[in-house]
N, C-alpha and C. Protein backbone atom coordinates (compact mmCIF):
# COMPACT_ATOMS: atom_id res chain seq x y z
N MET A 1 157.95 -48.56 32.71
CA MET A 1 156.72 -49.20 33.13
C MET A 1 155.68 -48.13 33.40
N ASN A 2 154.45 -48.37 32.94
CA ASN A 2 153.35 -47.45 33.20
C ASN A 2 152.75 -47.77 34.56
N SER A 3 152.66 -46.75 35.42
CA SER A 3 152.10 -46.94 36.75
C SER A 3 150.69 -46.41 36.80
N LEU A 4 149.80 -47.21 37.38
CA LEU A 4 148.40 -46.87 37.54
C LEU A 4 148.10 -46.76 39.01
N ALA A 5 147.40 -45.70 39.40
CA ALA A 5 146.93 -45.54 40.77
C ALA A 5 145.41 -45.58 40.75
N VAL A 6 144.83 -46.28 41.72
CA VAL A 6 143.38 -46.36 41.85
C VAL A 6 143.01 -45.72 43.19
N VAL A 7 142.10 -44.75 43.14
CA VAL A 7 141.64 -44.08 44.35
C VAL A 7 140.15 -44.40 44.51
N ILE A 8 139.82 -45.00 45.63
CA ILE A 8 138.42 -45.33 45.92
C ILE A 8 137.90 -44.27 46.88
N GLY A 9 136.88 -43.55 46.44
CA GLY A 9 136.33 -42.48 47.26
C GLY A 9 137.08 -41.18 47.03
N ALA A 10 137.06 -40.68 45.82
CA ALA A 10 137.85 -39.50 45.46
C ALA A 10 137.05 -38.20 45.46
N THR A 11 135.87 -38.20 46.08
CA THR A 11 135.07 -36.97 46.08
C THR A 11 135.18 -36.19 47.38
N GLY A 12 135.69 -36.80 48.40
CA GLY A 12 135.86 -36.11 49.69
C GLY A 12 137.15 -35.31 49.72
N LEU A 13 137.37 -34.63 50.81
CA LEU A 13 138.53 -33.76 50.96
C LEU A 13 139.84 -34.52 50.79
N GLU A 14 139.99 -35.63 51.49
CA GLU A 14 141.24 -36.41 51.41
C GLU A 14 141.39 -37.11 50.07
N GLY A 15 140.30 -37.65 49.55
CA GLY A 15 140.36 -38.33 48.26
C GLY A 15 140.73 -37.38 47.13
N LYS A 16 140.17 -36.17 47.15
CA LYS A 16 140.52 -35.17 46.14
C LYS A 16 142.00 -34.80 46.24
N ALA A 17 142.46 -34.57 47.47
CA ALA A 17 143.87 -34.20 47.66
C ALA A 17 144.80 -35.31 47.19
N LEU A 18 144.47 -36.55 47.52
CA LEU A 18 145.29 -37.69 47.09
C LEU A 18 145.30 -37.79 45.57
N THR A 19 144.14 -37.65 44.94
CA THR A 19 144.05 -37.72 43.49
C THR A 19 144.89 -36.63 42.84
N ASP A 20 144.82 -35.41 43.37
CA ASP A 20 145.63 -34.31 42.84
C ASP A 20 147.12 -34.60 42.95
N ARG A 21 147.55 -35.14 44.09
CA ARG A 21 148.97 -35.46 44.28
C ARG A 21 149.43 -36.57 43.34
N LEU A 22 148.60 -37.58 43.18
CA LEU A 22 148.96 -38.67 42.27
C LEU A 22 149.01 -38.20 40.82
N ALA A 23 148.07 -37.33 40.44
CA ALA A 23 148.06 -36.80 39.07
C ALA A 23 149.28 -35.94 38.79
N ALA A 24 149.80 -35.30 39.82
CA ALA A 24 150.98 -34.44 39.65
C ALA A 24 152.29 -35.23 39.72
N ALA A 25 152.24 -36.46 40.19
CA ALA A 25 153.46 -37.27 40.34
C ALA A 25 153.97 -37.74 38.98
N GLY A 26 155.24 -37.56 38.75
CA GLY A 26 155.84 -37.92 37.48
C GLY A 26 155.87 -39.41 37.20
N HIS A 27 155.93 -40.22 38.25
CA HIS A 27 156.03 -41.68 38.05
C HIS A 27 154.66 -42.35 37.88
N ILE A 28 153.59 -41.62 38.07
CA ILE A 28 152.24 -42.15 37.86
C ILE A 28 151.76 -41.72 36.49
N HIS A 29 151.36 -42.68 35.67
CA HIS A 29 150.93 -42.37 34.30
C HIS A 29 149.43 -42.26 34.15
N ARG A 30 148.68 -42.88 35.08
CA ARG A 30 147.22 -42.84 34.99
C ARG A 30 146.63 -43.00 36.39
N VAL A 31 145.59 -42.22 36.67
CA VAL A 31 144.88 -42.30 37.94
C VAL A 31 143.41 -42.61 37.64
N VAL A 32 142.92 -43.71 38.20
CA VAL A 32 141.51 -44.08 38.04
C VAL A 32 140.83 -43.85 39.38
N THR A 33 139.76 -43.06 39.37
CA THR A 33 139.00 -42.83 40.59
C THR A 33 137.69 -43.59 40.52
N LEU A 34 137.34 -44.26 41.61
CA LEU A 34 136.07 -44.97 41.72
C LEU A 34 135.21 -44.20 42.71
N THR A 35 134.07 -43.70 42.24
CA THR A 35 133.22 -42.86 43.07
C THR A 35 131.75 -43.23 42.92
N ARG A 36 130.94 -42.79 43.87
CA ARG A 36 129.49 -43.02 43.81
C ARG A 36 128.82 -42.06 42.83
N ARG A 37 129.40 -40.87 42.69
CA ARG A 37 128.85 -39.86 41.79
C ARG A 37 129.99 -39.29 40.97
N PRO A 38 129.70 -38.65 39.83
CA PRO A 38 130.77 -38.11 38.99
C PRO A 38 131.67 -37.15 39.77
N ALA A 39 132.95 -37.25 39.51
CA ALA A 39 133.94 -36.40 40.17
C ALA A 39 134.78 -35.71 39.10
N ASP A 40 134.91 -34.42 39.24
CA ASP A 40 135.75 -33.65 38.33
C ASP A 40 137.13 -33.47 38.92
N HIS A 41 138.11 -33.93 38.21
CA HIS A 41 139.51 -33.72 38.60
C HIS A 41 140.23 -33.21 37.36
N PRO A 42 140.92 -32.09 37.51
CA PRO A 42 141.63 -31.57 36.34
C PRO A 42 142.80 -32.48 35.96
N GLY A 43 143.11 -32.48 34.71
CA GLY A 43 144.27 -33.23 34.25
C GLY A 43 143.89 -34.40 33.37
N ALA A 44 144.71 -34.63 32.38
CA ALA A 44 144.46 -35.70 31.41
C ALA A 44 144.72 -37.08 31.98
N LYS A 45 145.47 -37.17 33.08
CA LYS A 45 145.82 -38.48 33.64
C LYS A 45 144.71 -39.09 34.48
N VAL A 46 143.69 -38.30 34.85
CA VAL A 46 142.66 -38.77 35.77
C VAL A 46 141.43 -39.24 34.99
N GLU A 47 141.00 -40.46 35.30
CA GLU A 47 139.81 -41.06 34.68
C GLU A 47 138.85 -41.46 35.79
N ASN A 48 137.65 -40.92 35.79
CA ASN A 48 136.67 -41.21 36.83
C ASN A 48 135.71 -42.31 36.37
N ARG A 49 135.46 -43.26 37.25
CA ARG A 49 134.48 -44.32 37.00
C ARG A 49 133.46 -44.27 38.13
N VAL A 50 132.20 -44.06 37.78
CA VAL A 50 131.12 -44.08 38.76
C VAL A 50 130.69 -45.53 38.95
N VAL A 51 130.70 -46.00 40.20
CA VAL A 51 130.39 -47.40 40.48
C VAL A 51 129.34 -47.49 41.59
N ASP A 52 128.65 -48.60 41.60
CA ASP A 52 127.71 -48.93 42.68
C ASP A 52 128.50 -49.81 43.65
N PHE A 53 128.86 -49.26 44.79
CA PHE A 53 129.70 -49.99 45.74
C PHE A 53 129.00 -51.20 46.34
N ASP A 54 127.69 -51.29 46.18
CA ASP A 54 126.97 -52.47 46.64
C ASP A 54 127.05 -53.62 45.64
N ARG A 55 127.56 -53.33 44.43
CA ARG A 55 127.69 -54.34 43.38
C ARG A 55 129.10 -54.32 42.77
N LEU A 56 130.11 -54.28 43.58
CA LEU A 56 131.49 -54.17 43.08
C LEU A 56 131.88 -55.34 42.18
N GLU A 57 131.28 -56.50 42.39
CA GLU A 57 131.63 -57.65 41.55
C GLU A 57 131.33 -57.37 40.08
N ALA A 58 130.40 -56.50 39.79
CA ALA A 58 130.08 -56.14 38.40
C ALA A 58 131.22 -55.37 37.73
N TYR A 59 132.13 -54.84 38.54
CA TYR A 59 133.23 -54.04 38.02
C TYR A 59 134.57 -54.78 38.10
N ALA A 60 134.53 -56.09 38.23
CA ALA A 60 135.74 -56.90 38.37
C ALA A 60 136.80 -56.61 37.32
N PRO A 61 136.45 -56.37 36.05
CA PRO A 61 137.49 -56.07 35.06
C PRO A 61 138.34 -54.84 35.41
N LEU A 62 137.80 -53.93 36.20
CA LEU A 62 138.59 -52.75 36.60
C LEU A 62 139.71 -53.11 37.56
N PHE A 63 139.61 -54.28 38.20
CA PHE A 63 140.56 -54.65 39.24
C PHE A 63 141.55 -55.72 38.80
N ARG A 64 141.71 -55.90 37.51
CA ARG A 64 142.67 -56.89 37.01
C ARG A 64 143.97 -56.18 36.66
N PHE A 65 144.99 -56.41 37.49
CA PHE A 65 146.28 -55.75 37.32
C PHE A 65 147.37 -56.80 37.19
N LYS A 66 148.42 -56.46 36.49
CA LYS A 66 149.57 -57.36 36.39
C LYS A 66 150.31 -57.41 37.71
N ARG A 67 150.49 -56.24 38.32
CA ARG A 67 151.14 -56.16 39.62
C ARG A 67 150.38 -55.15 40.46
N CYS A 68 150.35 -55.36 41.74
CA CYS A 68 149.58 -54.48 42.61
C CYS A 68 150.36 -54.23 43.90
N TRP A 69 150.38 -52.99 44.33
CA TRP A 69 150.99 -52.60 45.59
C TRP A 69 149.96 -51.80 46.36
N ILE A 70 149.64 -52.25 47.54
CA ILE A 70 148.66 -51.55 48.37
C ILE A 70 149.38 -50.96 49.57
N PRO A 71 149.41 -49.63 49.65
CA PRO A 71 150.11 -49.01 50.78
C PRO A 71 149.32 -49.16 52.07
N ASP A 72 150.00 -49.03 53.17
CA ASP A 72 149.37 -49.05 54.48
C ASP A 72 148.81 -47.65 54.71
N CYS A 73 147.50 -47.51 54.65
CA CYS A 73 146.86 -46.19 54.72
C CYS A 73 146.24 -45.91 56.07
N ARG A 74 146.63 -46.62 57.10
CA ARG A 74 146.04 -46.36 58.41
C ARG A 74 146.47 -44.99 58.90
N VAL A 75 145.53 -44.29 59.50
CA VAL A 75 145.82 -42.95 60.03
C VAL A 75 145.99 -43.01 61.51
């Protein structure tokens, strides 16, 4: 099964670190980052999408998944 990870806000310190870890993970086949401005992340598995967070409904096709798991990210 191909695993996709979506990172919202991948330009900050934590978002960059999370994206790097996901890109290095063997079980993740693709990482999509949603950011306000272009983000450079090394690696062929990372795909950046610049979005207007005030109009997320315009990007609904990006959020259609067969299965979804959302981790508990509370700090």
